[in-house]
PDB file of all heavy atoms in Angstrom:
ATOM      1  N   ALA A   1     -10.820  -8.198  -1.552  1.00  0.00           N
ATOM      2  CA  ALA A   1     -11.057  -6.775  -1.739  1.00  0.00           C
ATOM      3  C   ALA A   1     -10.014  -5.919  -1.034  1.00  0.00           C
ATOM      4  O   ALA A   1      -9.886  -4.735  -1.308  1.00  0.00           O
ATOM      5  CB  ALA A   1     -12.454  -6.407  -1.226  1.00  0.00           C
ATOM      6  N   THR A   2      -9.272  -6.500  -0.084  1.00  0.00           N
ATOM      7  CA  THR A   2      -8.319  -5.704   0.674  1.00  0.00           C
ATOM      8  C   THR A   2      -6.977  -5.590  -0.013  1.00  0.00           C
ATOM      9  O   THR A   2      -6.203  -4.713   0.307  1.00  0.00           O
ATOM     10  CB  THR A   2      -8.108  -6.292   2.081  1.00  0.00           C
ATOM     11  OG1 THR A   2      -7.460  -7.561   1.967  1.00  0.00           O
ATOM     12  CG2 THR A   2      -9.417  -6.452   2.805  1.00  0.00           C
ATOM     13  N   ALA A   3      -6.649  -6.467  -0.932  1.00  0.00           N
ATOM     14  CA  ALA A   3      -5.374  -6.374  -1.625  1.00  0.00           C
ATOM     15  C   ALA A   3      -5.399  -5.175  -2.558  1.00  0.00           C
ATOM     16  O   ALA A   3      -6.375  -4.933  -3.259  1.00  0.00           O
ATOM     17  CB  ALA A   3      -5.110  -7.644  -2.417  1.00  0.00           C
ATOM     18  N   VAL A   4      -4.323  -4.393  -2.555  1.00  0.00           N
ATOM     19  CA  VAL A   4      -4.280  -3.189  -3.365  1.00  0.00           C
ATOM     20  C   VAL A   4      -3.829  -3.546  -4.767  1.00  0.00           C
ATOM     21  O   VAL A   4      -2.752  -4.098  -4.961  1.00  0.00           O
ATOM     22  CB  VAL A   4      -3.305  -2.164  -2.746  1.00  0.00           C
ATOM     23  CG1 VAL A   4      -3.376  -0.854  -3.516  1.00  0.00           C
ATOM     24  CG2 VAL A   4      -3.630  -1.952  -1.278  1.00  0.00           C
ATOM     25  N   GLU A   5      -4.650  -3.229  -5.744  1.00  0.00           N
ATOM     26  CA  GLU A   5      -4.349  -3.579  -7.122  1.00  0.00           C
ATOM     27  C   GLU A   5      -3.329  -2.612  -7.715  1.00  0.00           C
ATOM     28  O   GLU A   5      -3.414  -1.403  -7.499  1.00  0.00           O
ATOM     29  CB  GLU A   5      -5.628  -3.551  -7.968  1.00  0.00           C
ATOM     30  CG  GLU A   5      -6.618  -4.639  -7.604  1.00  0.00           C
ATOM     31  CD  GLU A   5      -6.016  -6.031  -7.774  1.00  0.00           C
ATOM     32  OE1 GLU A   5      -5.244  -6.232  -8.735  1.00  0.00           O
ATOM     33  OE2 GLU A   5      -6.316  -6.894  -6.965  1.00  0.00           O
ATOM     34  N   PRO A   6      -2.364  -3.134  -8.488  1.00  0.00           N
ATOM     35  CA  PRO A   6      -1.371  -2.250  -9.107  1.00  0.00           C
ATOM     36  C   PRO A   6      -1.988  -1.143  -9.942  1.00  0.00           C
ATOM     37  O   PRO A   6      -1.491  -0.020  -9.949  1.00  0.00           O
ATOM     38  CB  PRO A   6      -0.542  -3.210  -9.971  1.00  0.00           C
ATOM     39  CG  PRO A   6      -0.675  -4.536  -9.295  1.00  0.00           C
ATOM     40  CD  PRO A   6      -2.076  -4.547  -8.727  1.00  0.00           C
ATOM     41  N   SER A   7      -3.071  -1.424 -10.662  1.00  0.00           N
ATOM     42  CA  SER A   7      -3.686  -0.400 -11.497  1.00  0.00           C
ATOM     43  C   SER A   7      -4.227   0.750 -10.665  1.00  0.00           C
ATOM     44  O   SER A   7      -4.167   1.916 -11.059  1.00  0.00           O
ATOM     45  CB  SER A   7      -4.813  -1.015 -12.339  1.00  0.00           C
ATOM     46  OG  SER A   7      -5.793  -1.608 -11.503  1.00  0.00           O
ATOM     47  N   THR A   8      -4.761   0.419  -9.482  1.00  0.00           N
ATOM     48  CA  THR A   8      -5.274   1.463  -8.590  1.00  0.00           C
ATOM     49  C   THR A   8      -4.140   2.342  -8.101  1.00  0.00           C
ATOM     50  O   THR A   8      -4.237   3.569  -8.080  1.00  0.00           O
ATOM     51  CB  THR A   8      -5.998   0.832  -7.385  1.00  0.00           C
ATOM     52  OG1 THR A   8      -7.064   0.021  -7.860  1.00  0.00           O
ATOM     53  CG2 THR A   8      -6.540   1.900  -6.458  1.00  0.00           C
ATOM     54  N   ILE A   9      -3.029   1.709  -7.688  1.00  0.00           N
ATOM     55  CA  ILE A   9      -1.901   2.479  -7.192  1.00  0.00           C
ATOM     56  C   ILE A   9      -1.283   3.302  -8.302  1.00  0.00           C
ATOM     57  O   ILE A   9      -0.874   4.439  -8.101  1.00  0.00           O
ATOM     58  CB  ILE A   9      -0.852   1.546  -6.561  1.00  0.00           C
ATOM     59  CG1 ILE A   9      -1.479   0.765  -5.413  1.00  0.00           C
ATOM     60  CG2 ILE A   9       0.343   2.329  -6.055  1.00  0.00           C
ATOM     61  CD1 ILE A   9      -0.604  -0.321  -4.874  1.00  0.00           C
ATOM     62  N   MET A  10      -1.211   2.740  -9.522  1.00  0.00           N
ATOM     63  CA  MET A  10      -0.641   3.472 -10.644  1.00  0.00           C
ATOM     64  C   MET A  10      -1.411   4.755 -10.889  1.00  0.00           C
ATOM     65  O   MET A  10      -0.837   5.819 -11.137  1.00  0.00           O
ATOM     66  CB  MET A  10      -0.654   2.601 -11.905  1.00  0.00           C
ATOM     67  CG  MET A  10       0.031   3.245 -13.093  1.00  0.00           C
ATOM     68  SD  MET A  10       1.819   3.366 -12.854  1.00  0.00           S
ATOM     69  CE  MET A  10       2.287   1.676 -13.248  1.00  0.00           C
ATOM     70  N   ALA A  11      -2.735   4.660 -10.786  1.00  0.00           N
ATOM     71  CA  ALA A  11      -3.550   5.847 -10.982  1.00  0.00           C
ATOM     72  C   ALA A  11      -3.294   6.875  -9.889  1.00  0.00           C
ATOM     73  O   ALA A  11      -3.320   8.085 -10.115  1.00  0.00           O
ATOM     74  CB  ALA A  11      -5.036   5.469 -10.999  1.00  0.00           C
ATOM     75  N   MET A  12      -3.029   6.397  -8.666  1.00  0.00           N
ATOM     76  CA  MET A  12      -2.765   7.293  -7.541  1.00  0.00           C
ATOM     77  C   MET A  12      -1.399   7.963  -7.674  1.00  0.00           C
ATOM     78  O   MET A  12      -1.231   9.125  -7.315  1.00  0.00           O
ATOM     79  CB  MET A  12      -2.812   6.508  -6.224  1.00  0.00           C
ATOM     80  CG  MET A  12      -4.172   5.975  -5.866  1.00  0.00           C
ATOM     81  SD  MET A  12      -4.051   4.772  -4.517  1.00  0.00           S
ATOM     82  CE  MET A  12      -3.404   5.787  -3.190  1.00  0.00           C
ATOM     83  N   THR A  13      -0.414   7.228  -8.197  1.00  0.00           N
ATOM     84  CA  THR A  13       0.949   7.755  -8.193  1.00  0.00           C
ATOM     85  C   THR A  13       1.258   8.603  -9.420  1.00  0.00           C
ATOM     86  O   THR A  13       1.818   9.675  -9.306  1.00  0.00           O
ATOM     87  CB  THR A  13       1.968   6.607  -8.123  1.00  0.00           C
ATOM     88  OG1 THR A  13       1.754   5.721  -9.223  1.00  0.00           O
ATOM     89  CG2 THR A  13       1.805   5.830  -6.830  1.00  0.00           C
ATOM     90  N   ASP A  14       0.928   8.076 -10.629  1.00  0.00           N
ATOM     91  CA  ASP A  14       1.216   8.781 -11.882  1.00  0.00           C
ATOM     92  C   ASP A  14       2.619   9.381 -11.836  1.00  0.00           C
ATOM     93  O   ASP A  14       2.818  10.585 -11.977  1.00  0.00           O
ATOM     94  CB  ASP A  14       0.176   9.873 -12.119  1.00  0.00           C
ATOM     95  CG  ASP A  14       0.325  10.502 -13.506  1.00  0.00           C
ATOM     96  OD1 ASP A  14       0.880   9.817 -14.401  1.00  0.00           O
ATOM     97  OD2 ASP A  14      -0.100  11.657 -13.676  1.00  0.00           O
ATOM     98  N   ALA A  15       3.620   8.507 -11.607  1.00  0.00           N
ATOM     99  CA  ALA A  15       4.963   8.977 -11.309  1.00  0.00           C
ATOM    100  C   ALA A  15       5.616   9.652 -12.510  1.00  0.00           C
ATOM    101  O   ALA A  15       5.803   9.060 -13.564  1.00  0.00           O
ATOM    102  CB  ALA A  15       5.826   7.822 -10.843  1.00  0.00           C
ATOM    103  N   THR A  16       5.960  10.919 -12.353  1.00  0.00           N
ATOM    104  CA  THR A  16       6.772  11.691 -13.285  1.00  0.00           C
ATOM    105  C   THR A  16       8.025  12.094 -12.526  1.00  0.00           C
ATOM    106  O   THR A  16       8.096  11.921 -11.308  1.00  0.00           O
ATOM    107  CB  THR A  16       6.005  12.944 -13.748  1.00  0.00           C
ATOM    108  OG1 THR A  16       5.759  13.764 -12.605  1.00  0.00           O
ATOM    109  CG2 THR A  16       4.685  12.564 -14.395  1.00  0.00           C
ATOM    110  N   PRO A  17       9.044  12.651 -13.208  1.00  0.00           N
ATOM    111  CA  PRO A  17      10.245  13.044 -12.465  1.00  0.00           C
ATOM    112  C   PRO A  17       9.940  13.927 -11.266  1.00  0.00           C
ATOM    113  O   PRO A  17      10.568  13.807 -10.227  1.00  0.00           O
ATOM    114  CB  PRO A  17      11.084  13.768 -13.527  1.00  0.00           C
ATOM    115  CG  PRO A  17      10.699  13.083 -14.806  1.00  0.00           C
ATOM    116  CD  PRO A  17       9.234  12.774 -14.666  1.00  0.00           C
ATOM    117  N   SER A  18       8.991  14.854 -11.365  1.00  0.00           N
ATOM    118  CA  SER A  18       8.693  15.756 -10.260  1.00  0.00           C
ATOM    119  C   SER A  18       7.891  15.094  -9.156  1.00  0.00           C
ATOM    120  O   SER A  18       7.827  15.605  -8.048  1.00  0.00           O
ATOM    121  CB  SER A  18       7.930  16.981 -10.785  1.00  0.00           C
ATOM    122  OG  SER A  18       6.686  16.567 -11.335  1.00  0.00           O
ATOM    123  N   SER A  19       7.261  13.946  -9.462  1.00  0.00           N
ATOM    124  CA  SER A  19       6.407  13.296  -8.463  1.00  0.00           C
ATOM    125  C   SER A  19       6.944  11.959  -8.005  1.00  0.00           C
ATOM    126  O   SER A  19       6.255  11.205  -7.336  1.00  0.00           O
ATOM    127  CB  SER A  19       4.997  13.098  -9.037  1.00  0.00           C
ATOM    128  OG  SER A  19       5.030  12.182 -10.109  1.00  0.00           O
ATOM    129  N   ALA A  20       8.217  11.641  -8.372  1.00  0.00           N
ATOM    130  CA  ALA A  20       8.744  10.316  -8.073  1.00  0.00           C
ATOM    131  C   ALA A  20       8.767  10.033  -6.585  1.00  0.00           C
ATOM    132  O   ALA A  20       8.384   8.945  -6.140  1.00  0.00           O
ATOM    133  CB  ALA A  20      10.153  10.175  -8.665  1.00  0.00           C
ATOM    134  N   GLN A  21       9.215  10.986  -5.766  1.00  0.00           N
ATOM    135  CA  GLN A  21       9.280  10.750  -4.331  1.00  0.00           C
ATOM    136  C   GLN A  21       7.900  10.580  -3.708  1.00  0.00           C
ATOM    137  O   GLN A  21       7.681   9.641  -2.945  1.00  0.00           O
ATOM    138  CB  GLN A  21      10.059  11.873  -3.642  1.00  0.00           C
ATOM    139  CG  GLN A  21      11.561  11.804  -3.892  1.00  0.00           C
ATOM    140  CD  GLN A  21      12.136  10.453  -3.491  1.00  0.00           C
ATOM    141  OE1 GLN A  21      12.536   9.659  -4.347  1.00  0.00           O
ATOM    142  NE2 GLN A  21      12.180  10.176  -2.215  1.00  0.00           N
ATOM    143  N   PRO A  22       6.927  11.469  -4.007  1.00  0.00           N
ATOM    144  CA  PRO A  22       5.570  11.214  -3.497  1.00  0.00           C
ATOM    145  C   PRO A  22       5.015   9.872  -3.946  1.00  0.00           C
ATOM    146  O   PRO A  22       4.323   9.197  -3.192  1.00  0.00           O
ATOM    147  CB  PRO A  22       4.758  12.385  -4.083  1.00  0.00           C
ATOM    148  CG  PRO A  22       5.751  13.470  -4.269  1.00  0.00           C
ATOM    149  CD  PRO A  22       7.028  12.774  -4.680  1.00  0.00           C
ATOM    150  N   ALA A  23       5.322   9.459  -5.185  1.00  0.00           N
ATOM    151  CA  ALA A  23       4.834   8.167  -5.674  1.00  0.00           C
ATOM    152  C   ALA A  23       5.410   7.041  -4.836  1.00  0.00           C
ATOM    153  O   ALA A  23       4.701   6.099  -4.462  1.00  0.00           O
ATOM    154  CB  ALA A  23       5.209   7.990  -7.142  1.00  0.00           C
ATOM    155  N   GLN A  24       6.699   7.112  -4.523  1.00  0.00           N
ATOM    156  CA  GLN A  24       7.315   6.087  -3.684  1.00  0.00           C
ATOM    157  C   GLN A  24       6.665   6.054  -2.306  1.00  0.00           C
ATOM    158  O   GLN A  24       6.426   4.986  -1.736  1.00  0.00           O
ATOM    159  CB  GLN A  24       8.818   6.350  -3.552  1.00  0.00           C
ATOM    160  CG  GLN A  24       9.620   6.074  -4.808  1.00  0.00           C
ATOM    161  CD  GLN A  24       9.639   4.590  -5.166  1.00  0.00           C
ATOM    162  OE1 GLN A  24      10.094   3.762  -4.396  1.00  0.00           O
ATOM    163  NE2 GLN A  24       9.135   4.261  -6.346  1.00  0.00           N
ATOM    164  N   ALA A  25       6.347   7.212  -1.771  1.00  0.00           N
ATOM    165  CA  ALA A  25       5.708   7.274  -0.453  1.00  0.00           C
ATOM    166  C   ALA A  25       4.340   6.606  -0.474  1.00  0.00           C
ATOM    167  O   ALA A  25       3.963   5.899   0.470  1.00  0.00           O
ATOM    168  CB  ALA A  25       5.581   8.728   0.008  1.00  0.00           C
ATOM    169  N   VAL A  26       3.599   6.809  -1.561  1.00  0.00           N
ATOM    170  CA  VAL A  26       2.275   6.181  -1.682  1.00  0.00           C
ATOM    171  C   VAL A  26       2.410   4.661  -1.724  1.00  0.00           C
ATOM    172  O   VAL A  26       1.673   3.928  -1.056  1.00  0.00           O
ATOM    173  CB  VAL A  26       1.547   6.698  -2.947  1.00  0.00           C
ATOM    174  CG1 VAL A  26       0.295   5.857  -3.229  1.00  0.00           C
ATOM    175  CG2 VAL A  26       1.158   8.154  -2.775  1.00  0.00           C
ATOM    176  N   LEU A  27       3.360   4.168  -2.494  1.00  0.00           N
ATOM    177  CA  LEU A  27       3.560   2.727  -2.598  1.00  0.00           C
ATOM    178  C   LEU A  27       3.985   2.131  -1.261  1.00  0.00           C
ATOM    179  O   LEU A  27       3.505   1.063  -0.862  1.00  0.00           O
ATOM    180  CB  LEU A  27       4.608   2.420  -3.675  1.00  0.00           C
ATOM    181  CG  LEU A  27       4.227   2.798  -5.114  1.00  0.00           C
ATOM    182  CD1 LEU A  27       5.426   2.621  -6.038  1.00  0.00           C
ATOM    183  CD2 LEU A  27       3.045   1.965  -5.608  1.00  0.00           C
ATOM    184  N   ARG A  28       4.873   2.804  -0.565  1.00  0.00           N
ATOM    185  CA  ARG A  28       5.336   2.298   0.726  1.00  0.00           C
ATOM    186  C   ARG A  28       4.199   2.251   1.743  1.00  0.00           C
ATOM    187  O   ARG A  28       4.075   1.289   2.508  1.00  0.00           O
ATOM    188  CB  ARG A  28       6.489   3.164   1.234  1.00  0.00           C
ATOM    189  CG  ARG A  28       7.756   3.004   0.406  1.00  0.00           C
ATOM    190  CD  ARG A  28       8.826   4.011   0.777  1.00  0.00           C
ATOM    191  NE  ARG A  28      10.006   3.837  -0.071  1.00  0.00           N
ATOM    192  CZ  ARG A  28      11.058   4.634  -0.049  1.00  0.00           C
ATOM    193  NH1 ARG A  28      11.100   5.672   0.782  1.00  0.00           N
ATOM    194  NH2 ARG A  28      12.082   4.395  -0.849  1.00  0.00           N
ATOM    195  N   GLU A  29       3.376   3.294   1.745  1.00  0.00           N
ATOM    196  CA  GLU A  29       2.244   3.290   2.676  1.00  0.00           C
ATOM    197  C   GLU A  29       1.251   2.194   2.327  1.00  0.00           C
ATOM    198  O   GLU A  29       0.640   1.591   3.224  1.00  0.00           O
ATOM    199  CB  GLU A  29       1.547   4.655   2.679  1.00  0.00           C
ATOM    200  CG  GLU A  29       2.283   5.691   3.499  1.00  0.00           C
ATOM    201  CD  GLU A  29       2.556   5.210   4.921  1.00  0.00           C
ATOM    202  OE1 GLU A  29       1.602   4.848   5.635  1.00  0.00           O
ATOM    203  OE2 GLU A  29       3.727   5.170   5.320  1.00  0.00           O
ATOM    204  N   ALA A  30       1.078   1.927   1.035  1.00  0.00           N
ATOM    205  CA  ALA A  30       0.173   0.844   0.633  1.00  0.00           C
ATOM    206  C   ALA A  30       0.653  -0.487   1.186  1.00  0.00           C
ATOM    207  O   ALA A  30      -0.142  -1.327   1.633  1.00  0.00           O
ATOM    208  CB  ALA A  30       0.063   0.790  -0.889  1.00  0.00           C
ATOM    209  N   VAL A  31       1.975  -0.716   1.177  1.00  0.00           N
ATOM    210  CA  VAL A  31       2.526  -1.952   1.744  1.00  0.00           C
ATOM    211  C   VAL A  31       2.267  -2.017   3.237  1.00  0.00           C
ATOM    212  O   VAL A  31       1.794  -3.040   3.761  1.00  0.00           O
ATOM    213  CB  VAL A  31       4.044  -2.048   1.454  1.00  0.00           C
ATOM    214  CG1 VAL A  31       4.676  -3.186   2.256  1.00  0.00           C
ATOM    215  CG2 VAL A  31       4.283  -2.256  -0.035  1.00  0.00           C
ATOM    216  N   HIS A  32       2.552  -0.947   3.961  1.00  0.00           N
ATOM    217  CA  HIS A  32       2.349  -0.953   5.414  1.00  0.00           C
ATOM    218  C   HIS A  32       0.873  -1.151   5.775  1.00  0.00           C
ATOM    219  O   HIS A  32       0.552  -1.861   6.732  1.00  0.00           O
ATOM    220  CB  HIS A  32       2.879   0.339   6.021  1.00  0.00           C
ATOM    221  CG  HIS A  32       4.378   0.448   5.998  1.00  0.00           C
ATOM    222  ND1 HIS A  32       5.204  -0.546   6.493  1.00  0.00           N
ATOM    223  CD2 HIS A  32       5.202   1.432   5.536  1.00  0.00           C
ATOM    224  CE1 HIS A  32       6.466  -0.180   6.341  1.00  0.00           C
ATOM    225  NE2 HIS A  32       6.492   1.004   5.757  1.00  0.00           N
ATOM    226  N   GLU A  33      -0.006  -0.547   4.992  1.00  0.00           N
ATOM    227  CA  GLU A  33      -1.436  -0.712   5.260  1.00  0.00           C
ATOM    228  C   GLU A  33      -1.883  -2.148   5.006  1.00  0.00           C
ATOM    229  O   GLU A  33      -2.703  -2.693   5.758  1.00  0.00           O
ATOM    230  CB  GLU A  33      -2.240   0.265   4.396  1.00  0.00           C
ATOM    231  CG  GLU A  33      -2.088   1.717   4.817  1.00  0.00           C
ATOM    232  CD  GLU A  33      -2.715   2.680   3.837  1.00  0.00           C
ATOM    233  OE1 GLU A  33      -3.393   2.213   2.892  1.00  0.00           O
ATOM    234  OE2 GLU A  33      -2.511   3.902   3.991  1.00  0.00           O
ATOM    235  N   ARG A  34      -1.368  -2.750   3.967  1.00  0.00           N
ATOM    236  CA  ARG A  34      -1.726  -4.147   3.663  1.00  0.00           C
ATOM    237  C   ARG A  34      -1.256  -5.073   4.777  1.00  0.00           C
ATOM    238  O   ARG A  34      -1.982  -5.975   5.204  1.00  0.00           O
ATOM    239  CB  ARG A  34      -1.083  -4.540   2.326  1.00  0.00           C
ATOM    240  CG  ARG A  34      -1.332  -5.986   1.923  1.00  0.00           C
ATOM    241  CD  ARG A  34      -2.742  -6.198   1.429  1.00  0.00           C
ATOM    242  NE  ARG A  34      -2.891  -7.527   0.880  1.00  0.00           N
ATOM    243  CZ  ARG A  34      -3.620  -8.502   1.433  1.00  0.00           C
ATOM    244  NH1 ARG A  34      -4.291  -8.302   2.554  1.00  0.00           N
ATOM    245  NH2 ARG A  34      -3.691  -9.692   0.853  1.00  0.00           N
ATOM    246  N   ILE A  35      -0.032  -4.866   5.266  1.00  0.00           N
ATOM    247  CA  ILE A  35       0.467  -5.681   6.368  1.00  0.00           C
ATOM    248  C   ILE A  35      -0.393  -5.477   7.611  1.00  0.00           C
ATOM    249  O   ILE A  35      -0.736  -6.440   8.313  1.00  0.00           O
ATOM    250  CB  ILE A  35       1.941  -5.343   6.657  1.00  0.00           C
ATOM    251  CG1 ILE A  35       2.818  -5.773   5.477  1.00  0.00           C
ATOM    252  CG2 ILE A  35       2.420  -6.025   7.944  1.00  0.00           C
ATOM    253  CD1 ILE A  35       4.255  -5.279   5.567  1.00  0.00           C
ATOM    254  N   ALA A  36      -0.759  -4.236   7.888  1.00  0.00           N
ATOM    255  CA  ALA A  36      -1.606  -3.955   9.055  1.00  0.00           C
ATOM    256  C   ALA A  36      -2.945  -4.674   8.944  1.00  0.00           C
ATOM    257  O   ALA A  36      -3.470  -5.196   9.949  1.00  0.00           O
ATOM    258  CB  ALA A  36      -1.819  -2.452   9.189  1.00  0.00           C
ATOM    259  N   GLU A  37      -3.511  -4.734   7.739  1.00  0.00           N
ATOM    260  CA  GLU A  37      -4.778  -5.452   7.540  1.00  0.00           C
ATOM    261  C   GLU A  37      -4.630  -6.927   7.878  1.00  0.00           C
ATOM    262  O   GLU A  37      -5.505  -7.533   8.515  1.00  0.00           O
ATOM    263  CB  GLU A  37      -5.242  -5.304   6.090  1.00  0.00           C
ATOM    264  CG  GLU A  37      -5.727  -3.918   5.718  1.00  0.00           C
ATOM    265  CD  GLU A  37      -5.970  -3.775   4.222  1.00  0.00           C
ATOM    266  OE1 GLU A  37      -5.656  -4.728   3.473  1.00  0.00           O
ATOM    267  OE2 GLU A  37      -6.462  -2.711   3.810  1.00  0.00           O
ATOM    268  N   LEU A  38      -3.522  -7.520   7.451  1.00  0.00           N
ATOM    269  CA  LEU A  38      -3.308  -8.940   7.713  1.00  0.00           C
ATOM    270  C   LEU A  38      -3.152  -9.202   9.203  1.00  0.00           C
ATOM    271  O   LEU A  38      -3.693 -10.187   9.733  1.00  0.00           O
ATOM    272  CB  LEU A  38      -2.074  -9.423   6.943  1.00  0.00           C
ATOM    273  CG  LEU A  38      -2.231  -9.485   5.423  1.00  0.00           C
ATOM    274  CD1 LEU A  38      -0.872  -9.670   4.749  1.00  0.00           C
ATOM    275  CD2 LEU A  38      -3.181 -10.603   5.018  1.00  0.00           C
ATOM    276  N   PHE A  39      -2.440  -8.343   9.902  1.00  0.00           N
ATOM    277  CA  PHE A  39      -2.295  -8.528  11.348  1.00  0.00           C
ATOM    278  C   PHE A  39      -3.620  -8.325  12.074  1.00  0.00           C
ATOM    279  O   PHE A  39      -3.905  -9.025  13.053  1.00  0.00           O
ATOM    280  CB  PHE A  39      -1.226  -7.585  11.908  1.00  0.00           C
ATOM    281  CG  PHE A  39       0.158  -8.145  11.813  1.00  0.00           C
ATOM    282  CD1 PHE A  39       1.070  -7.641  10.893  1.00  0.00           C
ATOM    283  CD2 PHE A  39       0.563  -9.185  12.640  1.00  0.00           C
ATOM    284  CE1 PHE A  39       2.348  -8.166  10.793  1.00  0.00           C
ATOM    285  CE2 PHE A  39       1.841  -9.729  12.547  1.00  0.00           C
ATOM    286  CZ  PHE A  39       2.740  -9.209  11.626  1.00  0.00           C
ATOM    287  N   THR A  40      -4.423  -7.397  11.617  1.00  0.00           N
ATOM    288  CA  THR A  40      -5.742  -7.206  12.228  1.00  0.00           C
ATOM    289  C   THR A  40      -6.599  -8.448  12.035  1.00  0.00           C
ATOM    290  O   THR A  40      -7.263  -8.927  12.960  1.00  0.00           O
ATOM    291  CB  THR A  40      -6.436  -5.983  11.610  1.00  0.00           C
ATOM    292  OG1 THR A  40      -5.666  -4.812  11.902  1.00  0.00           O
ATOM    293  CG2 THR A  40      -7.845  -5.816  12.171  1.00  0.00           C
ATOM    294  N   ARG A  41      -6.561  -9.000  10.851  1.00  0.00           N
ATOM    295  CA  ARG A  41      -7.350 -10.189  10.551  1.00  0.00           C
ATOM    296  C   ARG A  41      -6.922 -11.393  11.385  1.00  0.00           C
ATOM    297  O   ARG A  41      -7.755 -12.159  11.878  1.00  0.00           O
ATOM    298  CB  ARG A  41      -7.213 -10.523   9.060  1.00  0.00           C
ATOM    299  CG  ARG A  41      -8.106 -11.657   8.584  1.00  0.00           C
ATOM    300  CD  ARG A  41      -7.729 -12.102   7.189  1.00  0.00           C
ATOM    301  NE  ARG A  41      -6.436 -12.789   7.163  1.00  0.00           N
ATOM    302  CZ  ARG A  41      -5.792 -13.116   6.029  1.00  0.00           C
ATOM    303  NH1 ARG A  41      -6.290 -12.774   4.864  1.00  0.00           N
ATOM    304  NH2 ARG A  41      -4.636 -13.759   6.080  1.00  0.00           N
ATOM    305  N   ASP A  42      -5.631 -11.584  11.560  1.00  0.00           N
ATOM    306  CA  ASP A  42      -5.099 -12.795  12.187  1.00  0.00           C
ATOM    307  C   ASP A  42      -4.557 -12.556  13.596  1.00  0.00           C
ATOM    308  O   ASP A  42      -3.784 -13.369  14.104  1.00  0.00           O
ATOM    309  CB  ASP A  42      -3.954 -13.370  11.336  1.00  0.00           C
ATOM    310  CG  ASP A  42      -4.398 -13.754   9.929  1.00  0.00           C
ATOM    311  OD1 ASP A  42      -5.580 -14.076   9.750  1.00  0.00           O
ATOM    312  OD2 ASP A  42      -3.544 -13.734   9.021  1.00  0.00           O
ATOM    313  N   SER A  43      -4.944 -11.480  14.243  1.00  0.00           N
ATOM    314  CA  SER A  43      -4.308 -11.094  15.503  1.00  0.00           C
ATOM    315  C   SER A  43      -4.336 -12.199  16.546  1.00  0.00           C
ATOM    316  O   SER A  43      -3.370 -12.381  17.304  1.00  0.00           O
ATOM    317  CB  SER A  43      -4.965  -9.829  16.068  1.00  0.00           C
ATOM    318  OG  SER A  43      -6.350 -10.039  16.294  1.00  0.00           O
ATOM    319  N   ALA A  44      -5.398 -12.988  16.584  1.00  0.00           N
ATOM    320  CA  ALA A  44      -5.502 -14.035  17.607  1.00  0.00           C
ATOM    321  C   ALA A  44      -4.461 -15.128  17.424  1.00  0.00           C
ATOM    322  O   ALA A  44      -4.111 -15.817  18.391  1.00  0.00           O
ATOM    323  CB  ALA A  44      -6.905 -14.646  17.586  1.00  0.00           C
ATOM    324  N   VAL A  45      -3.937 -15.291  16.216  1.00  0.00           N
ATOM    325  CA  VAL A  45      -2.961 -16.357  15.949  1.00  0.00           C
ATOM    326  C   VAL A  45      -1.662 -16.115  16.715  1.00  0.00           C
ATOM    327  O   VAL A  45      -1.018 -17.056  17.177  1.00  0.00           O
ATOM    328  CB  VAL A  45      -2.669 -16.450  14.437  1.00  0.00           C
ATOM    329  CG1 VAL A  45      -1.522 -17.416  14.152  1.00  0.00           C
ATOM    330  CG2 VAL A  45      -3.924 -16.859  13.668  1.00  0.00           C
ATOM    331  N   PHE A  46      -1.288 -14.848  16.872  1.00  0.00           N
ATOM    332  CA  PHE A  46       0.047 -14.524  17.381  1.00  0.00           C
ATOM    333  C   PHE A  46       0.121 -14.394  18.900  1.00  0.00           C
ATOM    334  O   PHE A  46       1.224 -14.420  19.461  1.00  0.00           O
ATOM    335  CB  PHE A  46       0.547 -13.238  16.715  1.00  0.00           C
ATOM    336  CG  PHE A  46       0.682 -13.358  15.228  1.00  0.00           C
ATOM    337  CD1 PHE A  46      -0.321 -12.902  14.389  1.00  0.00           C
ATOM    338  CD2 PHE A  46       1.787 -13.956  14.657  1.00  0.00           C
ATOM    339  CE1 PHE A  46      -0.219 -13.015  13.014  1.00  0.00           C
ATOM    340  CE2 PHE A  46       1.908 -14.088  13.287  1.00  0.00           C
ATOM    341  CZ  PHE A  46       0.903 -13.611  12.456  1.00  0.00           C
ATOM    342  N   GLY A  47      -1.002 -14.270  19.575  1.00  0.00           N
ATOM    343  CA  GLY A  47      -0.996 -14.211  21.035  1.00  0.00           C
ATOM    344  C   GLY A  47      -0.095 -13.102  21.551  1.00  0.00           C
ATOM    345  O   GLY A  47      -0.110 -11.974  21.049  1.00  0.00           O
TER     346      GLY A  47
END
């Protein structure tokens, strides 16, 4: 449930020429949030 589905992000971004930069920002934040979730889940592994 934590993996961000492309269809969900597509609906959030709806990238047009005027919204291309905000769309990129949304995608980049989705990546950073996903990585943060993985580190939270596995934090004990890394000591």
